[in-house]
Amino acid sequence: MFVGEAPGADEDEQGEPFVGRAGNLLTKMLTAMELTREQIYIANVLKCRPDMPANTSGNRKPTRHEMEACLPYLRQQISIIAPVVIVALGASAVEGLFGPQKNTISRLRGTWMELDGVPVRPTFHPSYLLHNQDLALKRLVWDDLLAVMERLGLPISKKQQGFFLPPKA
């Protein structure tokens, strides 16, 4: 199960999670894991797009109150899906699942957390990767996905192990 922040404009329009640019990147990440969208479940902390102030566009971070209002729905989704592993995509997903955190997503990613007995792997949101094209950052996210694959018992090829590593001199 992958958990994101909230629907954006594209998701709001189409009624599906992760269908915009970040969704396209998430699909590529899944493909690299040799998974399909049909094999996983994608949810968001918020079930609807947060309202924007008048005369503004784009997306905004959900408030704590908005997250708390939607948390029972997310908890029910988790209960029904009964995931083996949850990937929390970004700081808002972690906050929605666990409440406010002392550590930043930069410090939380690369570790395992647990929610009601389910291992949770925090990592950066795909939209963050779209704004920051650093190869080392992509490798950090890929390391998180490799850890998820390992936890799921999925085979990891030599090729997958080498993704986003700098070329050898």
N, C-alpha and C. Protein backbone atom coordinates (compact mmCIF):
# COMPACT_ATOMS: atom_id res chain seq x y z
N MET A 1 0.85 -1.17 0.00
CA MET A 1 0.00 0.00 0.00
C MET A 1 0.90 1.23 0.00
N PHE A 2 0.58 2.18 -0.87
CA PHE A 2 1.28 3.46 -0.93
C PHE A 2 0.32 4.54 -0.45
N VAL A 3 0.78 5.41 0.44
CA VAL A 3 -0.06 6.47 0.98
C VAL A 3 0.58 7.82 0.66
N GLY A 4 -0.20 8.68 0.01
CA GLY A 4 0.26 10.02 -0.32
C GLY A 4 -0.45 11.05 0.55
N GLU A 5 -0.30 12.31 0.14
CA GLU A 5 -0.80 13.44 0.93
C GLU A 5 -2.29 13.70 0.69
N ALA A 6 -2.61 14.11 -0.53
CA ALA A 6 -3.98 14.51 -0.88
C ALA A 6 -4.09 14.57 -2.39
N PRO A 7 -5.30 14.50 -2.91
CA PRO A 7 -5.44 14.66 -4.34
C PRO A 7 -4.99 16.05 -4.79
N GLY A 8 -4.33 16.11 -5.94
CA GLY A 8 -4.01 17.39 -6.57
C GLY A 8 -5.06 17.71 -7.62
N ALA A 9 -4.78 18.70 -8.43
CA ALA A 9 -5.75 19.13 -9.44
C ALA A 9 -6.08 18.00 -10.42
N ASP A 10 -5.05 17.30 -10.90
CA ASP A 10 -5.29 16.20 -11.86
C ASP A 10 -6.09 15.08 -11.22
N GLU A 11 -5.75 14.74 -10.00
CA GLU A 11 -6.44 13.66 -9.29
C GLU A 11 -7.89 14.05 -9.00
N ASP A 12 -8.09 15.32 -8.63
CA ASP A 12 -9.43 15.82 -8.34
C ASP A 12 -10.30 15.74 -9.59
N GLU A 13 -9.72 16.09 -10.72
CA GLU A 13 -10.45 16.09 -11.98
C GLU A 13 -10.80 14.67 -12.42
N GLN A 14 -9.85 13.72 -12.25
CA GLN A 14 -10.06 12.36 -12.75
C GLN A 14 -10.62 11.40 -11.70
N GLY A 15 -10.58 11.78 -10.43
CA GLY A 15 -11.12 10.92 -9.39
C GLY A 15 -10.26 9.71 -9.08
N GLU A 16 -8.98 9.78 -9.41
CA GLU A 16 -8.04 8.68 -9.18
C GLU A 16 -6.81 9.24 -8.47
N PRO A 17 -6.19 8.48 -7.58
CA PRO A 17 -4.97 8.97 -6.94
C PRO A 17 -3.75 8.85 -7.86
N PHE A 18 -2.87 9.81 -7.75
CA PHE A 18 -1.59 9.79 -8.44
C PHE A 18 -1.73 9.58 -9.95
N VAL A 19 -2.39 10.53 -10.61
CA VAL A 19 -2.52 10.45 -12.06
C VAL A 19 -1.79 11.59 -12.78
N GLY A 20 -1.31 12.57 -12.07
CA GLY A 20 -0.57 13.67 -12.68
C GLY A 20 0.89 13.31 -12.88
N ARG A 21 1.73 14.32 -12.92
CA ARG A 21 3.17 14.10 -13.14
C ARG A 21 3.77 13.22 -12.04
N ALA A 22 3.40 13.48 -10.79
CA ALA A 22 3.91 12.66 -9.69
C ALA A 22 3.39 11.23 -9.81
N GLY A 23 2.17 11.08 -10.28
CA GLY A 23 1.61 9.75 -10.50
C GLY A 23 2.33 8.99 -11.59
N ASN A 24 2.69 9.71 -12.65
CA ASN A 24 3.47 9.07 -13.72
C ASN A 24 4.81 8.58 -13.19
N LEU A 25 5.43 9.38 -12.34
CA LEU A 25 6.70 8.96 -11.74
C LEU A 25 6.49 7.77 -10.81
N LEU A 26 5.41 7.79 -10.03
CA LEU A 26 5.12 6.65 -9.16
C LEU A 26 4.94 5.38 -9.99
N THR A 27 4.26 5.48 -11.11
CA THR A 27 4.08 4.31 -11.99
C THR A 27 5.43 3.80 -12.47
N LYS A 28 6.34 4.70 -12.83
CA LYS A 28 7.69 4.29 -13.24
C LYS A 28 8.43 3.62 -12.09
N MET A 29 8.24 4.12 -10.88
CA MET A 29 8.88 3.51 -9.72
C MET A 29 8.36 2.08 -9.52
N LEU A 30 7.05 1.93 -9.64
CA LEU A 30 6.45 0.59 -9.50
C LEU A 30 6.96 -0.34 -10.59
N THR A 31 7.05 0.16 -11.81
CA THR A 31 7.56 -0.64 -12.92
C THR A 31 8.99 -1.09 -12.64
N ALA A 32 9.80 -0.20 -12.10
CA ALA A 32 11.18 -0.56 -11.75
C ALA A 32 11.22 -1.63 -10.66
N MET A 33 10.19 -1.65 -9.81
CA MET A 33 10.07 -2.69 -8.78
C MET A 33 9.48 -3.97 -9.35
N GLU A 34 9.11 -3.93 -10.63
CA GLU A 34 8.42 -5.02 -11.32
C GLU A 34 7.06 -5.29 -10.69
N LEU A 35 6.37 -4.19 -10.36
CA LEU A 35 5.01 -4.23 -9.86
C LEU A 35 4.14 -3.39 -10.79
N THR A 36 2.84 -3.63 -10.71
CA THR A 36 1.88 -2.83 -11.46
C THR A 36 0.95 -2.16 -10.46
N ARG A 37 0.24 -1.16 -10.94
CA ARG A 37 -0.75 -0.50 -10.08
C ARG A 37 -1.84 -1.48 -9.63
N GLU A 38 -2.11 -2.47 -10.44
CA GLU A 38 -3.13 -3.46 -10.07
C GLU A 38 -2.69 -4.33 -8.89
N GLN A 39 -1.39 -4.39 -8.64
CA GLN A 39 -0.88 -5.24 -7.55
C GLN A 39 -0.75 -4.50 -6.22
N ILE A 40 -0.96 -3.21 -6.24
CA ILE A 40 -0.83 -2.43 -5.02
C ILE A 40 -2.10 -1.61 -4.80
N TYR A 41 -2.19 -0.99 -3.66
CA TYR A 41 -3.30 -0.09 -3.36
C TYR A 41 -2.71 1.28 -3.08
N ILE A 42 -3.30 2.31 -3.67
CA ILE A 42 -2.83 3.68 -3.46
C ILE A 42 -3.93 4.46 -2.75
N ALA A 43 -3.56 5.11 -1.66
CA ALA A 43 -4.50 5.94 -0.90
C ALA A 43 -3.85 7.29 -0.61
N ASN A 44 -4.64 8.21 -0.16
CA ASN A 44 -4.16 9.49 0.31
C ASN A 44 -4.66 9.73 1.72
N VAL A 45 -3.93 10.52 2.47
CA VAL A 45 -4.38 10.90 3.81
C VAL A 45 -5.70 11.66 3.69
N LEU A 46 -5.74 12.68 2.84
CA LEU A 46 -6.97 13.41 2.58
C LEU A 46 -7.71 12.75 1.43
N LYS A 47 -9.01 12.75 1.51
CA LYS A 47 -9.81 12.10 0.49
C LYS A 47 -10.31 13.09 -0.57
N CYS A 48 -10.11 14.37 -0.32
CA CYS A 48 -10.47 15.38 -1.30
C CYS A 48 -9.37 16.44 -1.33
N ARG A 49 -9.34 17.19 -2.39
CA ARG A 49 -8.31 18.21 -2.57
C ARG A 49 -8.53 19.36 -1.59
N PRO A 50 -7.49 19.76 -0.87
CA PRO A 50 -7.64 20.90 0.04
C PRO A 50 -8.02 22.17 -0.74
N ASP A 51 -8.95 22.92 -0.19
CA ASP A 51 -9.34 24.18 -0.81
C ASP A 51 -8.16 25.13 -0.86
N MET A 52 -8.11 25.90 -1.92
CA MET A 52 -7.07 26.92 -2.08
C MET A 52 -7.66 28.28 -1.74
N PRO A 53 -6.83 29.18 -1.20
CA PRO A 53 -7.32 30.54 -0.98
C PRO A 53 -7.79 31.16 -2.30
N ALA A 54 -8.71 32.10 -2.22
CA ALA A 54 -9.26 32.75 -3.41
C ALA A 54 -8.14 33.35 -4.27
N ASN A 55 -8.32 33.23 -5.57
CA ASN A 55 -7.38 33.78 -6.56
C ASN A 55 -6.00 33.15 -6.52
N THR A 56 -5.91 31.91 -6.04
CA THR A 56 -4.63 31.18 -6.07
C THR A 56 -4.86 29.86 -6.77
N SER A 57 -3.77 29.28 -7.23
CA SER A 57 -3.85 27.98 -7.88
C SER A 57 -2.77 27.08 -7.28
N GLY A 58 -2.78 25.84 -7.70
CA GLY A 58 -1.79 24.89 -7.20
C GLY A 58 -2.36 24.03 -6.09
N ASN A 59 -1.48 23.49 -5.30
CA ASN A 59 -1.86 22.62 -4.20
C ASN A 59 -1.26 23.18 -2.92
N ARG A 60 -1.86 22.83 -1.81
CA ARG A 60 -1.30 23.23 -0.52
C ARG A 60 -1.26 22.03 0.41
N LYS A 61 -0.40 22.13 1.40
CA LYS A 61 -0.27 21.08 2.42
C LYS A 61 -1.54 21.04 3.25
N PRO A 62 -2.05 19.85 3.51
CA PRO A 62 -3.24 19.75 4.36
C PRO A 62 -2.95 20.23 5.79
N THR A 63 -3.96 20.76 6.42
CA THR A 63 -3.83 21.15 7.82
C THR A 63 -3.96 19.90 8.70
N ARG A 64 -3.52 20.02 9.92
CA ARG A 64 -3.65 18.91 10.87
C ARG A 64 -5.14 18.57 11.07
N HIS A 65 -5.98 19.58 11.14
CA HIS A 65 -7.43 19.37 11.32
C HIS A 65 -8.01 18.58 10.14
N GLU A 66 -7.60 18.92 8.92
CA GLU A 66 -8.07 18.19 7.74
C GLU A 66 -7.61 16.74 7.78
N MET A 67 -6.36 16.52 8.18
CA MET A 67 -5.84 15.15 8.27
C MET A 67 -6.62 14.35 9.31
N GLU A 68 -6.87 14.95 10.47
CA GLU A 68 -7.59 14.25 11.53
C GLU A 68 -9.01 13.91 11.10
N ALA A 69 -9.63 14.80 10.30
CA ALA A 69 -11.00 14.53 9.82
C ALA A 69 -11.04 13.32 8.89
N CYS A 70 -9.97 13.11 8.13
CA CYS A 70 -9.93 12.01 7.15
C CYS A 70 -9.29 10.73 7.70
N LEU A 71 -8.65 10.83 8.84
CA LEU A 71 -7.92 9.67 9.37
C LEU A 71 -8.81 8.43 9.57
N PRO A 72 -10.04 8.54 10.06
CA PRO A 72 -10.85 7.32 10.19
C PRO A 72 -11.05 6.59 8.86
N TYR A 73 -11.17 7.33 7.78
CA TYR A 73 -11.33 6.71 6.46
C TYR A 73 -10.05 5.99 6.04
N LEU A 74 -8.92 6.64 6.26
CA LEU A 74 -7.64 6.01 5.92
C LEU A 74 -7.42 4.76 6.77
N ARG A 75 -7.73 4.85 8.06
CA ARG A 75 -7.58 3.69 8.94
C ARG A 75 -8.47 2.54 8.47
N GLN A 76 -9.68 2.87 8.02
CA GLN A 76 -10.59 1.83 7.52
C GLN A 76 -10.04 1.21 6.24
N GLN A 77 -9.48 2.04 5.35
CA GLN A 77 -8.87 1.51 4.13
C GLN A 77 -7.75 0.53 4.49
N ILE A 78 -6.91 0.93 5.43
CA ILE A 78 -5.80 0.06 5.85
C ILE A 78 -6.34 -1.24 6.43
N SER A 79 -7.38 -1.14 7.23
CA SER A 79 -7.98 -2.34 7.83
C SER A 79 -8.54 -3.28 6.76
N ILE A 80 -9.20 -2.73 5.76
CA ILE A 80 -9.80 -3.55 4.70
C ILE A 80 -8.73 -4.15 3.79
N ILE A 81 -7.77 -3.33 3.39
CA ILE A 81 -6.72 -3.79 2.47
C ILE A 81 -5.77 -4.76 3.16
N ALA A 82 -5.53 -4.56 4.45
CA ALA A 82 -4.59 -5.39 5.22
C ALA A 82 -3.25 -5.50 4.51
N PRO A 83 -2.59 -4.37 4.27
CA PRO A 83 -1.32 -4.42 3.54
C PRO A 83 -0.22 -5.13 4.33
N VAL A 84 0.71 -5.70 3.58
CA VAL A 84 1.89 -6.33 4.19
C VAL A 84 2.89 -5.24 4.55
N VAL A 85 2.96 -4.20 3.73
CA VAL A 85 3.87 -3.07 3.91
C VAL A 85 3.15 -1.81 3.44
N ILE A 86 3.42 -0.70 4.12
CA ILE A 86 2.93 0.60 3.68
C ILE A 86 4.14 1.47 3.34
N VAL A 87 4.07 2.16 2.21
CA VAL A 87 5.07 3.15 1.85
C VAL A 87 4.41 4.51 2.03
N ALA A 88 4.96 5.31 2.95
CA ALA A 88 4.45 6.66 3.22
C ALA A 88 5.20 7.64 2.33
N LEU A 89 4.50 8.23 1.38
CA LEU A 89 5.12 9.11 0.39
C LEU A 89 5.11 10.56 0.88
N GLY A 90 6.16 10.94 1.58
CA GLY A 90 6.32 12.32 2.01
C GLY A 90 5.94 12.57 3.46
N ALA A 91 6.31 13.76 3.91
CA ALA A 91 6.11 14.14 5.31
C ALA A 91 4.63 14.19 5.69
N SER A 92 3.77 14.67 4.80
CA SER A 92 2.34 14.73 5.13
C SER A 92 1.74 13.34 5.30
N ALA A 93 2.18 12.38 4.50
CA ALA A 93 1.69 11.01 4.66
C ALA A 93 2.12 10.45 6.01
N VAL A 94 3.36 10.71 6.40
CA VAL A 94 3.84 10.24 7.70
C VAL A 94 3.04 10.91 8.82
N GLU A 95 2.85 12.24 8.70
CA GLU A 95 2.09 12.95 9.72
C GLU A 95 0.65 12.46 9.78
N GLY A 96 0.05 12.19 8.63
CA GLY A 96 -1.31 11.69 8.61
C GLY A 96 -1.43 10.32 9.27
N LEU A 97 -0.44 9.48 9.06
CA LEU A 97 -0.47 8.13 9.64
C LEU A 97 -0.10 8.10 11.12
N PHE A 98 0.86 8.95 11.52
CA PHE A 98 1.43 8.84 12.87
C PHE A 98 1.27 10.09 13.73
N GLY A 99 0.75 11.18 13.17
CA GLY A 99 0.69 12.43 13.91
C GLY A 99 1.97 13.21 13.68
N PRO A 100 2.03 14.43 14.24
CA PRO A 100 3.22 15.26 14.05
C PRO A 100 4.48 14.54 14.52
N GLN A 101 5.56 14.74 13.77
CA GLN A 101 6.83 14.06 14.05
C GLN A 101 7.89 15.06 14.48
N LYS A 102 8.80 14.59 15.34
CA LYS A 102 9.93 15.41 15.76
C LYS A 102 10.96 15.50 14.63
N ASN A 103 11.07 14.41 13.87
CA ASN A 103 12.06 14.36 12.80
C ASN A 103 11.46 14.72 11.46
N THR A 104 12.29 15.23 10.58
CA THR A 104 11.87 15.56 9.21
C THR A 104 11.81 14.28 8.38
N ILE A 105 11.21 14.38 7.21
CA ILE A 105 11.16 13.23 6.31
C ILE A 105 12.57 12.83 5.90
N SER A 106 13.48 13.77 5.83
CA SER A 106 14.87 13.45 5.49
C SER A 106 15.50 12.53 6.53
N ARG A 107 15.11 12.69 7.77
CA ARG A 107 15.63 11.83 8.83
C ARG A 107 14.84 10.53 8.98
N LEU A 108 13.56 10.57 8.65
CA LEU A 108 12.71 9.38 8.80
C LEU A 108 12.90 8.39 7.67
N ARG A 109 13.15 8.90 6.43
CA ARG A 109 13.29 7.97 5.32
C ARG A 109 14.54 7.11 5.58
N GLY A 110 14.50 5.92 5.08
CA GLY A 110 15.60 5.00 5.35
C GLY A 110 15.40 4.19 6.61
N THR A 111 14.28 4.41 7.30
CA THR A 111 13.99 3.67 8.54
C THR A 111 12.64 2.97 8.38
N TRP A 112 12.38 2.08 9.30
CA TRP A 112 11.07 1.45 9.36
C TRP A 112 10.31 2.00 10.55
N MET A 113 9.02 2.24 10.36
CA MET A 113 8.11 2.59 11.44
C MET A 113 7.07 1.47 11.47
N GLU A 114 6.17 1.52 12.41
CA GLU A 114 5.14 0.48 12.48
C GLU A 114 3.80 1.10 12.82
N LEU A 115 2.77 0.68 12.12
CA LEU A 115 1.41 1.14 12.35
C LEU A 115 0.52 -0.07 12.54
N ASP A 116 0.07 -0.28 13.76
CA ASP A 116 -0.81 -1.42 14.06
C ASP A 116 -0.23 -2.74 13.55
N GLY A 117 1.07 -2.93 13.73
CA GLY A 117 1.73 -4.16 13.33
C GLY A 117 2.17 -4.22 11.88
N VAL A 118 1.87 -3.18 11.10
CA VAL A 118 2.26 -3.15 9.69
C VAL A 118 3.52 -2.29 9.54
N PRO A 119 4.58 -2.83 8.93
CA PRO A 119 5.77 -2.02 8.71
C PRO A 119 5.49 -0.89 7.72
N VAL A 120 5.99 0.30 8.05
CA VAL A 120 5.80 1.48 7.21
C VAL A 120 7.17 2.04 6.85
N ARG A 121 7.38 2.26 5.57
CA ARG A 121 8.64 2.83 5.09
C ARG A 121 8.38 4.25 4.61
N PRO A 122 8.80 5.26 5.37
CA PRO A 122 8.69 6.64 4.88
C PRO A 122 9.73 6.90 3.79
N THR A 123 9.34 7.65 2.79
CA THR A 123 10.27 8.08 1.75
C THR A 123 9.78 9.39 1.18
N PHE A 124 10.57 9.96 0.30
CA PHE A 124 10.18 11.23 -0.30
C PHE A 124 9.02 11.04 -1.28
N HIS A 125 8.20 12.05 -1.39
CA HIS A 125 7.08 12.05 -2.32
C HIS A 125 7.61 12.17 -3.75
N PRO A 126 6.99 11.49 -4.72
CA PRO A 126 7.46 11.62 -6.10
C PRO A 126 7.53 13.07 -6.61
N SER A 127 6.63 13.93 -6.15
CA SER A 127 6.69 15.33 -6.61
C SER A 127 7.98 16.01 -6.15
N TYR A 128 8.51 15.61 -5.01
CA TYR A 128 9.78 16.15 -4.54
C TYR A 128 10.91 15.76 -5.51
N LEU A 129 10.85 14.54 -6.00
CA LEU A 129 11.86 14.09 -6.97
C LEU A 129 11.73 14.83 -8.29
N LEU A 130 10.52 15.23 -8.65
CA LEU A 130 10.33 15.99 -9.89
C LEU A 130 10.96 17.38 -9.79
N HIS A 131 10.96 17.93 -8.59
CA HIS A 131 11.53 19.27 -8.38
C HIS A 131 13.02 19.23 -8.08
N ASN A 132 13.52 18.08 -7.70
CA ASN A 132 14.93 17.94 -7.36
C ASN A 132 15.47 16.72 -8.11
N GLN A 133 16.19 16.96 -9.18
CA GLN A 133 16.64 15.89 -10.07
C GLN A 133 17.96 15.25 -9.65
N ASP A 134 18.39 15.46 -8.42
CA ASP A 134 19.65 14.94 -7.92
C ASP A 134 19.66 13.40 -7.94
N LEU A 135 20.67 12.83 -8.59
CA LEU A 135 20.80 11.38 -8.69
C LEU A 135 20.90 10.72 -7.31
N ALA A 136 21.61 11.35 -6.39
CA ALA A 136 21.77 10.79 -5.05
C ALA A 136 20.43 10.74 -4.32
N LEU A 137 19.59 11.73 -4.53
CA LEU A 137 18.26 11.75 -3.92
C LEU A 137 17.40 10.62 -4.48
N LYS A 138 17.46 10.44 -5.79
CA LYS A 138 16.71 9.34 -6.42
C LYS A 138 17.18 8.00 -5.86
N ARG A 139 18.48 7.87 -5.62
CA ARG A 139 19.00 6.63 -5.07
C ARG A 139 18.48 6.39 -3.65
N LEU A 140 18.34 7.45 -2.85
CA LEU A 140 17.80 7.28 -1.51
C LEU A 140 16.39 6.70 -1.57
N VAL A 141 15.57 7.24 -2.46
CA VAL A 141 14.21 6.72 -2.61
C VAL A 141 14.26 5.28 -3.12
N TRP A 142 15.15 5.01 -4.06
CA TRP A 142 15.26 3.66 -4.59
C TRP A 142 15.71 2.70 -3.49
N ASP A 143 16.61 3.14 -2.61
CA ASP A 143 17.01 2.30 -1.48
C ASP A 143 15.80 1.95 -0.60
N ASP A 144 14.92 2.92 -0.40
CA ASP A 144 13.70 2.65 0.37
C ASP A 144 12.84 1.62 -0.35
N LEU A 145 12.71 1.75 -1.65
CA LEU A 145 11.89 0.80 -2.41
C LEU A 145 12.53 -0.59 -2.44
N LEU A 146 13.84 -0.64 -2.49
CA LEU A 146 14.52 -1.94 -2.40
C LEU A 146 14.25 -2.59 -1.04
N ALA A 147 14.24 -1.80 0.01
CA ALA A 147 13.94 -2.34 1.35
C ALA A 147 12.51 -2.87 1.39
N VAL A 148 11.59 -2.19 0.73
CA VAL A 148 10.21 -2.66 0.66
C VAL A 148 10.16 -3.97 -0.11
N MET A 149 10.86 -4.02 -1.24
CA MET A 149 10.89 -5.26 -2.03
C MET A 149 11.44 -6.41 -1.20
N GLU A 150 12.50 -6.14 -0.46
CA GLU A 150 13.10 -7.18 0.38
C GLU A 150 12.10 -7.64 1.44
N ARG A 151 11.41 -6.70 2.08
CA ARG A 151 10.43 -7.04 3.11
C ARG A 151 9.29 -7.88 2.53
N LEU A 152 8.95 -7.61 1.26
CA LEU A 152 7.88 -8.37 0.59
C LEU A 152 8.37 -9.71 0.03
N GLY A 153 9.68 -9.94 0.07
CA GLY A 153 10.23 -11.17 -0.48
C GLY A 153 10.29 -11.16 -2.00
N LEU A 154 10.29 -9.99 -2.60
CA LEU A 154 10.37 -9.89 -4.06
C LEU A 154 11.82 -10.06 -4.50
N PRO A 155 12.05 -10.69 -5.64
CA PRO A 155 13.42 -10.82 -6.13
C PRO A 155 13.99 -9.45 -6.51
N ILE A 156 15.27 -9.26 -6.24
CA ILE A 156 15.96 -8.02 -6.59
C ILE A 156 17.13 -8.39 -7.49
N SER A 157 17.07 -7.91 -8.72
CA SER A 157 18.12 -8.24 -9.69
C SER A 157 19.35 -7.36 -9.49
N LYS A 158 20.45 -7.78 -10.08
CA LYS A 158 21.68 -6.96 -10.06
C LYS A 158 21.40 -5.61 -10.72
N LYS A 159 20.63 -5.63 -11.78
CA LYS A 159 20.28 -4.38 -12.47
C LYS A 159 19.53 -3.44 -11.52
N GLN A 160 18.54 -3.98 -10.80
CA GLN A 160 17.80 -3.16 -9.85
C GLN A 160 18.72 -2.64 -8.74
N GLN A 161 19.63 -3.46 -8.29
CA GLN A 161 20.56 -3.03 -7.24
C GLN A 161 21.40 -1.85 -7.68
N GLY A 162 21.66 -1.75 -8.99
CA GLY A 162 22.52 -0.70 -9.51
C GLY A 162 21.82 0.57 -9.95
N PHE A 163 20.48 0.62 -9.86
CA PHE A 163 19.76 1.82 -10.29
C PHE A 163 20.22 3.04 -9.51
N PHE A 164 20.44 4.13 -10.22
CA PHE A 164 20.76 5.45 -9.67
C PHE A 164 22.09 5.51 -8.93
N LEU A 165 22.96 4.55 -9.20
CA LEU A 165 24.31 4.64 -8.67
C LEU A 165 25.18 5.35 -9.71
N PRO A 166 26.15 6.14 -9.26
CA PRO A 166 27.01 6.81 -10.24
C PRO A 166 27.79 5.77 -11.05
N PRO A 167 28.05 6.06 -12.30
CA PRO A 167 28.82 5.11 -13.13
C PRO A 167 30.22 4.89 -12.55
N LYS A 168 30.69 3.67 -12.67
CA LYS A 168 32.03 3.35 -12.16
C LYS A 168 33.08 3.93 -13.10
N ALA A 169 34.13 4.45 -12.50
CA ALA A 169 35.20 5.10 -13.29
C ALA A 169 36.08 4.06 -13.97
